[in-house]
Amino acid sequence: MKSLFGSQDLWEIVNDGYTEPTPDQERGYNQNQKEALRVTRRRDKKVLFQLYQTLDEVTFERIVEATSVKQAWDTLSIIFKGEEKVKRIRLQQLRREFKVATMKETENIFNYFSRILVIVNQLKRNGEKIDDVRVVEKILRSLTLRFEHIIVAIEEANDVDTLSINALMGKLQVHEQKKQNKIEVANTEQILQSKVEAKDQKGKDQGQSQAFRDASSNIRGGGNNYRGHG
């Protein structure tokens, strides 16, 4: 903003302002003084109008009562200093969130990356300079143990300094999917094995039941024969 007004030779009136004379003082001005005052007032209103154009509705309402551009500028300076303090506090909070964030055991790669990138984008919006290398290093340090092997492979390949966030996400998702496929195959094999064992057990149970029935029948038959001989 200072550069904009400076390029138009208007910064002096923004920064220093001018003294508005009382009606009695103005009546005592000569023609040259009146012309100079008229030019100054016109410049002041011009800059004030330009300043209004750069503001959102909420900020505009906070300076709408200003009668000169210097008064408006001084009010904005106070507002922005307060906002800068709020921004610094918010930055400190976001930096802590970024530092302590770790992947949860129940999270997948997509969800964890999404959570980290929300923090990263908020940091950037609040003025923090943060590049891909810093984010990549953070993610690699905070993954769960199930990614230990792929982390070692990436670090040994010296990919960390050149790896983009999206590329890292792709590598980790491939690794995650492979592990998930192995788990699904193992689960399927376990289910099939359980079914086979259950079927075998059912066959054994049926065989035992039949043997028991046969034995019972023989006992009853033997008893009848014994009574017949008597």
Foldseek 3Di string as FASTA:
>chain_A
DCVVCVVVVLNCCQAPNDDDDDPVVQVPDDPVVVVVVVVSLVSFVVVLVVVLVVDDPVLCVQQVPPPTNNSSNVSVVVVVVVVLVVLVVVLVVLVVCLQPDADDPPDALVVSLVVNVVSVVSNVVSPDDDAQLNVLVSHLVRYDPLCVVVSVVCVVVVCSVPDGPVNVSVSRVVSVVVVVVVVVVVVVVVVVVVVVVVVVVVVVVVVVVVVVVVVVVVVVVVVVVVVVVD
